[in-house]
């Protein structure tokens, strides 16, 4: 499959996710308090690390996240109904596949599509507020890449562009001023 075919498949998957979010939310309105409680039952949240990624059962890597869309306002003179936001459910049915379900619509994503989605989400997140925390949050879980492949390019203003390949995030670019390059060298060589 060439790059254009892969991008086309990814665009179809993203379009399906968008349609699922925009779809009417009538299916998500519970009729009883018991149904509301059942729908809000927590789903396991597990992020595999490099050391345990192969030991994690695919069905154990499920996540549910409430969508951040506002509930629709009731019509004038109508009592507000208890409405649930559509949820995003992420599951890992196989080693090389992730499924995403929003409002009952499921899309399966393969590795190349997931990489494109990560890139698009990362580009969007970079312009959002609030920014990620300045320090490493306690309990933060991550997968680190040992001895990543990297490339360096000198910019016309003297800055250095460093691009490193993370096994989960893909190619991640950073730009460093000359002063920051010296600080980073000192940090890495500090005994």
Foldseek 3Di string as FASTA:
>chain_A
DDPVVLVVLLVVLVVLVVCLQVPDQVVQADPDVVVVVVVPDAQADDDDAPVCLVVDQQQNHKHKAFDPDDDDDDDPPDDDGDGGGWIWMWTGNDPFWIWIDTNRGIDIDGDVSQLVVLVVVVVVLVPDPPHPDPDDDPPDDDYFDPPWDWDWDQDPVRKIWIWTQGPRNGTDIDIGHPVVVVVVVCVVPPD
